[in-house]
């Protein structure tokens, strides 16, 4: 008798972001049904997707399909790496280079504007990290100067 190993399906994850910190999407609401003609009821648990601090990581294909097909996709939330229009953007390196150039010319408000726009659209971690790093360094330097 031979045994064959059953391959585990790969773990699928997809990150989603929302400007609503605690967005709640209900897939299946709570239902209460009466059993027969008596006073007994059965209650079904709700099936929900809860964004925490504006983020949700889908770990099942069912969740990904639900979110991708949801009418609020692109309005209240979107996939990381995709804009509200559903298109991807592959110009992260160009944006990071622009952030560096703006840092050298001390145009910090433009960097802050890029950060806000990025959080509201593609939410690419590398672009956000570049903006936050520059702005945090400027804030630290300003704090040190005011303490002198």
Protein backbone atom coordinates (compact mmCIF):
# COMPACT_ATOMS: atom_id res chain seq x y z
CA UNK A 1 0.00 0.00 0.00
CA UNK A 2 1.57 3.29 -1.05
CA UNK A 3 0.84 6.58 0.50
CA UNK A 4 1.00 9.80 -1.38
CA UNK A 5 1.36 13.13 0.29
CA UNK A 6 -1.41 15.55 -0.35
CA UNK A 7 0.00 18.93 -1.16
CA UNK A 8 -1.32 21.78 0.93
CA UNK A 9 -2.82 24.57 -1.14
CA UNK A 10 -0.69 27.71 -1.07
CA UNK A 11 -1.71 30.34 1.45
CA UNK A 12 -3.23 33.24 -0.40
CA UNK A 13 -3.13 36.68 1.16
CA UNK A 14 -4.20 40.02 -0.21
CA UNK A 15 -4.07 43.30 1.68
CA UNK A 16 -6.81 45.89 1.43
CA UNK A 17 -6.86 49.45 2.74
CA UNK A 18 -9.61 51.89 3.60
CA UNK A 19 -9.77 55.49 4.70
CA UNK A 20 -12.40 54.29 7.19
CA UNK A 21 -10.44 53.00 10.17
CA UNK A 22 -13.00 50.43 11.27
CA UNK A 23 -14.91 49.62 8.11
CA UNK A 24 -17.29 46.69 8.62
CA UNK A 25 -18.61 44.73 5.65
CA UNK A 26 -21.35 42.20 6.34
CA UNK A 27 -21.40 39.14 4.13
CA UNK A 28 -24.16 37.32 6.02
CA UNK A 29 -26.21 39.13 8.68
CA UNK A 30 -27.45 37.64 11.95
CA UNK A 31 -30.61 35.65 11.33
CA UNK A 32 -33.11 34.51 13.88
CA UNK A 33 -35.56 31.79 12.85
CA UNK A 34 -38.40 30.28 14.79
CA UNK A 35 -38.39 26.50 15.05
CA UNK A 36 -41.87 25.21 14.44
CA UNK A 37 -44.68 26.88 16.31
CA UNK A 38 -43.02 26.88 19.70
CA UNK A 39 -40.96 29.53 21.37
CA UNK A 40 -37.65 28.04 20.28
CA UNK A 41 -35.45 30.09 17.98
CA UNK A 42 -32.22 29.39 16.17
CA UNK A 43 -29.79 32.21 15.56
CA UNK A 44 -27.12 32.11 12.87
CA UNK A 45 -23.84 33.91 13.42
CA UNK A 46 -22.99 36.81 11.16
CA UNK A 47 -20.17 36.62 8.65
CA UNK A 48 -18.28 39.92 8.63
CA UNK A 49 -15.09 41.47 7.38
CA UNK A 50 -13.69 44.08 9.77
CA UNK A 51 -10.97 46.53 8.74
CA UNK A 52 -8.82 47.51 11.71
CA UNK A 53 -7.00 50.82 11.54
CA UNK A 54 -7.92 50.98 7.86
CA UNK A 55 -6.39 47.61 6.93
CA UNK A 56 -7.64 44.09 6.27
CA UNK A 57 -5.64 41.07 5.16
CA UNK A 58 -7.75 38.53 3.29
CA UNK A 59 -6.43 35.02 3.82
CA UNK A 60 -8.98 32.97 1.90
CA UNK A 61 -10.02 33.00 -1.72
CA UNK A 62 -13.62 33.42 -0.53
CA UNK A 63 -12.72 36.69 1.24
CA UNK A 64 -10.70 37.93 -1.75
CA UNK A 65 -13.57 37.18 -4.16
CA UNK A 66 -16.09 38.87 -1.84
CA UNK A 67 -13.97 42.01 -1.52
CA UNK A 68 -13.04 42.16 -5.22
CA UNK A 69 -16.71 41.93 -6.22
CA UNK A 70 -18.06 44.22 -3.47
CA UNK A 71 -19.76 47.39 -4.79
CA UNK A 72 -17.68 49.54 -2.40
CA UNK A 73 -14.38 48.25 -3.82
CA UNK A 74 -12.64 51.31 -5.22
CA UNK A 75 -14.88 53.60 -3.19
CA UNK A 76 -14.52 52.77 0.51
CA UNK A 77 -11.56 50.41 0.16
CA UNK A 78 -9.15 48.98 -2.40
CA UNK A 79 -6.38 46.43 -2.80
CA UNK A 80 -2.89 47.44 -1.83
CA UNK A 81 -1.00 48.14 -5.03
CA UNK A 82 -4.16 49.06 -6.92
CA UNK A 83 -5.70 52.50 -7.20
CA UNK A 84 -9.36 53.28 -6.68
CA UNK A 85 -9.78 52.86 -10.43
CA UNK A 86 -8.58 49.24 -10.16
CA UNK A 87 -5.39 49.85 -12.12
CA UNK A 88 -1.98 48.90 -10.85
CA UNK A 89 0.94 51.24 -10.71
CA UNK A 90 4.53 50.18 -11.21
CA UNK A 91 6.20 53.56 -10.81
CA UNK A 92 7.21 53.17 -7.15
CA UNK A 93 10.89 53.68 -7.95
CA UNK A 94 10.15 56.93 -9.78
CA UNK A 95 8.06 58.27 -6.91
CA UNK A 96 10.72 57.33 -4.33
CA UNK A 97 13.34 59.10 -6.46
CA UNK A 98 11.08 62.18 -6.51
CA UNK A 99 10.75 62.02 -2.72
CA UNK A 100 14.55 61.96 -2.37
CA UNK A 101 14.92 64.96 -4.71
CA UNK A 102 12.25 66.86 -2.80
CA UNK A 103 14.05 66.07 0.47
CA UNK A 104 17.28 67.61 -0.89
CA UNK A 105 15.41 70.79 -1.85
CA UNK A 106 13.51 70.85 1.50
CA UNK A 107 10.08 70.66 -0.16
CA UNK A 108 8.53 68.77 2.73
CA UNK A 109 4.95 69.83 2.07
CA UNK A 110 5.13 68.17 -1.36
CA UNK A 111 6.41 65.00 0.31
CA UNK A 112 3.50 65.16 2.77
CA UNK A 113 1.12 65.57 -0.18
CA UNK A 114 2.63 62.51 -1.87
CA UNK A 115 2.19 60.55 1.37
CA UNK A 116 -1.47 61.52 1.70
CA UNK A 117 -2.14 60.70 -1.95
CA UNK A 118 -0.35 57.35 -1.66
CA UNK A 119 -2.33 56.36 1.42
CA UNK A 120 -5.54 57.21 -0.41
CA UNK A 121 -4.68 55.33 -3.59
CA UNK A 122 -2.14 52.57 -4.12
CA UNK A 123 -0.84 52.30 -0.51
CA UNK A 124 2.48 50.86 -1.64
CA UNK A 125 4.52 50.16 1.50
CA UNK A 126 7.85 51.21 -0.04
CA UNK A 127 6.55 54.62 -1.15
CA UNK A 128 4.85 55.24 2.20
CA UNK A 129 8.01 54.21 4.06
CA UNK A 130 10.16 56.59 1.98
CA UNK A 131 7.85 59.53 2.67
CA UNK A 132 7.51 58.74 6.37
CA UNK A 133 11.28 58.29 6.77
CA UNK A 134 12.01 61.72 5.29
CA UNK A 135 9.26 63.44 7.26
CA UNK A 136 10.24 61.71 10.52
CA UNK A 137 13.89 62.72 10.04
CA UNK A 138 12.84 66.33 9.44
CA UNK A 139 10.65 66.23 12.54
CA UNK A 140 13.48 64.78 14.63
CA UNK A 141 15.93 67.40 13.36
CA UNK A 142 13.46 70.21 14.11
CA UNK A 143 12.91 68.86 17.63
CA UNK A 144 16.66 68.68 18.26
CA UNK A 145 17.18 72.26 17.02
CA UNK A 146 14.39 73.64 19.19
CA UNK A 147 15.91 71.88 22.21
CA UNK A 148 19.31 73.57 21.74
